Amino acid sequence: MLIHRIFAFVACRSHAFGKLIKGSDVKLVSDGKVDWKAMKHHLVSKHDLEEDLRLSAATEDIEKVKTARLERSGGISFIKKES
């Protein structure tokens, strides 16, 4: 537990160390097009993406999404296209 606290403390103060420990965000969708290679590499299934799309973006249409990213926390964030 002490090692975890030390790593968290250092990661909070150093972006480079935080990126090393926590990783970085990954773009999964760009202009409504799914990056299947990134999805496979990061073990995100089509069903996971669809579920988060419904829950977070309140839509079932991937074409309405400008960008979707797998965040460092493990969640998927969505930015919708402007109407």
N, C-alpha and C. Protein backbone atom coordinates (compact mmCIF):
# COMPACT_ATOMS: atom_id res chain seq x y z
N MET A 1 0.82 -1.18 0.00
CA MET A 1 0.00 0.00 0.00
C MET A 1 0.88 1.25 0.00
N LEU A 2 1.99 1.20 0.67
CA LEU A 2 2.89 2.35 0.73
C LEU A 2 3.47 2.66 -0.65
N ILE A 3 3.81 1.63 -1.41
CA ILE A 3 4.35 1.83 -2.75
C ILE A 3 3.29 2.48 -3.64
N HIS A 4 2.05 2.04 -3.53
CA HIS A 4 0.95 2.64 -4.30
C HIS A 4 0.81 4.12 -3.97
N ARG A 5 0.86 4.46 -2.71
CA ARG A 5 0.74 5.87 -2.29
C ARG A 5 1.91 6.71 -2.82
N ILE A 6 3.10 6.16 -2.80
CA ILE A 6 4.27 6.88 -3.31
C ILE A 6 4.13 7.11 -4.82
N PHE A 7 3.74 6.07 -5.55
CA PHE A 7 3.56 6.20 -7.00
C PHE A 7 2.46 7.22 -7.32
N ALA A 8 1.36 7.18 -6.58
CA ALA A 8 0.27 8.13 -6.81
C ALA A 8 0.74 9.56 -6.53
N PHE A 9 1.51 9.75 -5.48
CA PHE A 9 2.03 11.07 -5.13
C PHE A 9 2.94 11.60 -6.24
N VAL A 10 3.85 10.78 -6.72
CA VAL A 10 4.78 11.20 -7.78
C VAL A 10 4.03 11.42 -9.09
N ALA A 11 3.09 10.54 -9.42
CA ALA A 11 2.32 10.67 -10.66
C ALA A 11 1.49 11.95 -10.67
N CYS A 12 1.02 12.36 -9.52
CA CYS A 12 0.23 13.58 -9.40
C CYS A 12 1.08 14.82 -9.71
N ARG A 13 2.36 14.74 -9.45
CA ARG A 13 3.24 15.89 -9.63
C ARG A 13 4.08 15.84 -10.91
N SER A 14 4.15 14.69 -11.53
CA SER A 14 4.97 14.54 -12.74
C SER A 14 4.12 13.94 -13.87
N HIS A 15 3.87 14.74 -14.89
CA HIS A 15 3.07 14.27 -16.02
C HIS A 15 3.73 13.07 -16.70
N ALA A 16 5.03 13.12 -16.88
CA ALA A 16 5.75 12.03 -17.56
C ALA A 16 5.63 10.72 -16.77
N PHE A 17 5.79 10.80 -15.45
CA PHE A 17 5.68 9.61 -14.62
C PHE A 17 4.23 9.11 -14.61
N GLY A 18 3.28 10.02 -14.55
CA GLY A 18 1.87 9.65 -14.58
C GLY A 18 1.52 8.94 -15.87
N LYS A 19 2.06 9.42 -16.98
CA LYS A 19 1.81 8.78 -18.27
C LYS A 19 2.43 7.39 -18.32
N LEU A 20 3.59 7.24 -17.72
CA LEU A 20 4.26 5.94 -17.66
C LEU A 20 3.44 4.95 -16.84
N ILE A 21 2.93 5.38 -15.71
CA ILE A 21 2.19 4.51 -14.81
C ILE A 21 0.76 4.29 -15.27
N LYS A 22 0.07 5.37 -15.64
CA LYS A 22 -1.35 5.29 -15.97
C LYS A 22 -1.63 5.10 -17.46
N GLY A 23 -0.66 5.39 -18.30
CA GLY A 23 -0.86 5.31 -19.75
C GLY A 23 -1.43 6.61 -20.28
N SER A 24 -1.93 6.58 -21.50
CA SER A 24 -2.50 7.77 -22.10
C SER A 24 -3.84 7.41 -22.77
N ASP A 25 -4.61 8.44 -23.07
CA ASP A 25 -5.89 8.19 -23.72
C ASP A 25 -5.67 7.73 -25.16
N VAL A 26 -6.65 6.99 -25.70
CA VAL A 26 -6.54 6.42 -27.05
C VAL A 26 -7.81 6.77 -27.82
N LYS A 27 -7.66 7.28 -29.04
CA LYS A 27 -8.81 7.61 -29.87
C LYS A 27 -9.38 6.33 -30.49
N LEU A 28 -10.66 6.07 -30.20
CA LEU A 28 -11.33 4.88 -30.73
C LEU A 28 -12.24 5.21 -31.91
N VAL A 29 -12.78 6.43 -31.94
CA VAL A 29 -13.68 6.86 -33.01
C VAL A 29 -13.26 8.24 -33.45
N SER A 30 -13.21 8.44 -34.75
CA SER A 30 -12.88 9.75 -35.32
C SER A 30 -13.87 10.04 -36.45
N ASP A 31 -14.63 11.12 -36.33
CA ASP A 31 -15.64 11.52 -37.31
C ASP A 31 -16.59 10.38 -37.67
N GLY A 32 -17.05 9.66 -36.65
CA GLY A 32 -18.03 8.60 -36.87
C GLY A 32 -17.46 7.28 -37.36
N LYS A 33 -16.15 7.19 -37.54
CA LYS A 33 -15.49 5.98 -38.03
C LYS A 33 -14.75 5.30 -36.88
N VAL A 34 -15.05 4.04 -36.66
CA VAL A 34 -14.43 3.27 -35.58
C VAL A 34 -13.04 2.80 -36.00
N ASP A 35 -12.05 2.98 -35.12
CA ASP A 35 -10.70 2.47 -35.34
C ASP A 35 -10.63 1.07 -34.74
N TRP A 36 -10.94 0.07 -35.57
CA TRP A 36 -11.02 -1.31 -35.09
C TRP A 36 -9.67 -1.83 -34.59
N LYS A 37 -8.59 -1.34 -35.17
CA LYS A 37 -7.26 -1.78 -34.74
C LYS A 37 -6.99 -1.32 -33.31
N ALA A 38 -7.33 -0.07 -33.00
CA ALA A 38 -7.15 0.45 -31.63
C ALA A 38 -8.07 -0.28 -30.66
N MET A 39 -9.29 -0.56 -31.11
CA MET A 39 -10.25 -1.28 -30.26
C MET A 39 -9.69 -2.66 -29.89
N LYS A 40 -9.18 -3.37 -30.89
CA LYS A 40 -8.65 -4.71 -30.65
C LYS A 40 -7.41 -4.65 -29.75
N HIS A 41 -6.53 -3.69 -30.01
CA HIS A 41 -5.29 -3.57 -29.24
C HIS A 41 -5.57 -3.30 -27.76
N HIS A 42 -6.62 -2.55 -27.48
CA HIS A 42 -6.94 -2.18 -26.10
C HIS A 42 -8.09 -3.00 -25.51
N LEU A 43 -8.44 -4.10 -26.21
CA LEU A 43 -9.42 -5.07 -25.74
C LEU A 43 -10.78 -4.45 -25.43
N VAL A 44 -11.22 -3.56 -26.32
CA VAL A 44 -12.55 -2.96 -26.21
C VAL A 44 -13.42 -3.61 -27.28
N SER A 45 -14.50 -4.23 -26.86
CA SER A 45 -15.38 -4.90 -27.82
C SER A 45 -16.37 -3.91 -28.43
N LYS A 46 -16.97 -4.31 -29.53
CA LYS A 46 -18.01 -3.51 -30.16
C LYS A 46 -19.15 -3.28 -29.18
N HIS A 47 -19.47 -4.31 -28.40
CA HIS A 47 -20.56 -4.22 -27.43
C HIS A 47 -20.23 -3.24 -26.31
N ASP A 48 -18.96 -3.20 -25.88
CA ASP A 48 -18.54 -2.22 -24.86
C ASP A 48 -18.72 -0.80 -25.38
N LEU A 49 -18.30 -0.57 -26.62
CA LEU A 49 -18.42 0.74 -27.24
C LEU A 49 -19.89 1.14 -27.37
N GLU A 50 -20.71 0.22 -27.84
CA GLU A 50 -22.14 0.51 -28.01
C GLU A 50 -22.82 0.81 -26.68
N GLU A 51 -22.46 0.06 -25.64
CA GLU A 51 -23.05 0.29 -24.32
C GLU A 51 -22.70 1.67 -23.79
N ASP A 52 -21.41 2.02 -23.86
CA ASP A 52 -21.00 3.35 -23.39
C ASP A 52 -21.58 4.46 -24.26
N LEU A 53 -21.75 4.19 -25.54
CA LEU A 53 -22.36 5.16 -26.45
C LEU A 53 -23.79 5.48 -26.00
N ARG A 54 -24.54 4.44 -25.67
CA ARG A 54 -25.92 4.64 -25.19
C ARG A 54 -25.94 5.33 -23.84
N LEU A 55 -25.08 4.90 -22.93
CA LEU A 55 -25.11 5.44 -21.57
C LEU A 55 -24.53 6.86 -21.48
N SER A 56 -23.42 7.11 -22.15
CA SER A 56 -22.74 8.40 -22.01
C SER A 56 -23.18 9.45 -23.02
N ALA A 57 -23.38 9.02 -24.26
CA ALA A 57 -23.70 9.98 -25.33
C ALA A 57 -25.20 10.03 -25.63
N ALA A 58 -25.97 9.15 -25.02
CA ALA A 58 -27.42 9.10 -25.19
C ALA A 58 -27.83 8.99 -26.66
N THR A 59 -27.11 8.14 -27.39
CA THR A 59 -27.43 7.88 -28.79
C THR A 59 -26.99 6.46 -29.14
N GLU A 60 -27.55 5.92 -30.20
CA GLU A 60 -27.11 4.62 -30.71
C GLU A 60 -26.39 4.77 -32.05
N ASP A 61 -26.31 5.99 -32.55
CA ASP A 61 -25.75 6.26 -33.87
C ASP A 61 -24.31 6.75 -33.76
N ILE A 62 -23.37 5.89 -34.12
CA ILE A 62 -21.94 6.25 -34.04
C ILE A 62 -21.60 7.39 -35.00
N GLU A 63 -22.41 7.58 -36.04
CA GLU A 63 -22.19 8.66 -37.01
C GLU A 63 -22.34 10.04 -36.37
N LYS A 64 -23.04 10.12 -35.24
CA LYS A 64 -23.23 11.39 -34.54
C LYS A 64 -22.05 11.77 -33.64
N VAL A 65 -21.05 10.87 -33.57
CA VAL A 65 -19.91 11.07 -32.68
C VAL A 65 -18.72 11.64 -33.46
N LYS A 66 -18.21 12.76 -32.97
CA LYS A 66 -17.01 13.36 -33.56
C LYS A 66 -15.77 12.59 -33.11
N THR A 67 -15.69 12.34 -31.79
CA THR A 67 -14.54 11.65 -31.23
C THR A 67 -14.97 10.81 -30.04
N ALA A 68 -14.40 9.63 -29.91
CA ALA A 68 -14.55 8.80 -28.73
C ALA A 68 -13.16 8.36 -28.30
N ARG A 69 -12.89 8.50 -27.01
CA ARG A 69 -11.57 8.13 -26.50
C ARG A 69 -11.68 7.18 -25.32
N LEU A 70 -10.79 6.21 -25.29
CA LEU A 70 -10.62 5.37 -24.13
C LEU A 70 -9.72 6.15 -23.19
N GLU A 71 -10.27 6.58 -22.06
CA GLU A 71 -9.53 7.43 -21.13
C GLU A 71 -8.61 6.60 -20.24
N ARG A 72 -7.69 7.29 -19.58
CA ARG A 72 -6.74 6.63 -18.69
C ARG A 72 -7.44 5.89 -17.56
N SER A 73 -8.61 6.36 -17.19
CA SER A 73 -9.37 5.74 -16.10
C SER A 73 -10.04 4.44 -16.54
N GLY A 74 -10.11 4.19 -17.86
CA GLY A 74 -10.74 2.99 -18.38
C GLY A 74 -12.12 3.25 -18.97
N GLY A 75 -12.66 4.44 -18.75
CA GLY A 75 -13.96 4.80 -19.32
C GLY A 75 -13.81 5.31 -20.75
N ILE A 76 -14.92 5.36 -21.46
CA ILE A 76 -14.91 5.88 -22.82
C ILE A 76 -15.67 7.20 -22.81
N SER A 77 -15.04 8.25 -23.33
CA SER A 77 -15.68 9.56 -23.42
C SER A 77 -16.05 9.84 -24.86
N PHE A 78 -17.15 10.59 -25.04
CA PHE A 78 -17.66 10.88 -26.38
C PHE A 78 -17.84 12.37 -26.55
N ILE A 79 -17.46 12.87 -27.72
CA ILE A 79 -17.74 14.25 -28.14
C ILE A 79 -18.63 14.13 -29.37
N LYS A 80 -19.85 14.67 -29.27
CA LYS A 80 -20.77 14.60 -30.39
C LYS A 80 -20.45 15.67 -31.42
N LYS A 81 -20.83 15.37 -32.67
CA LYS A 81 -20.71 16.35 -33.75
C LYS A 81 -21.70 17.48 -33.49
N GLU A 82 -21.36 18.67 -33.94
CA GLU A 82 -22.27 19.81 -33.83
C GLU A 82 -23.40 19.62 -34.82
N SER A 83 -24.60 19.94 -34.41
CA SER A 83 -25.78 19.77 -35.29
C SER A 83 -25.84 20.81 -36.36
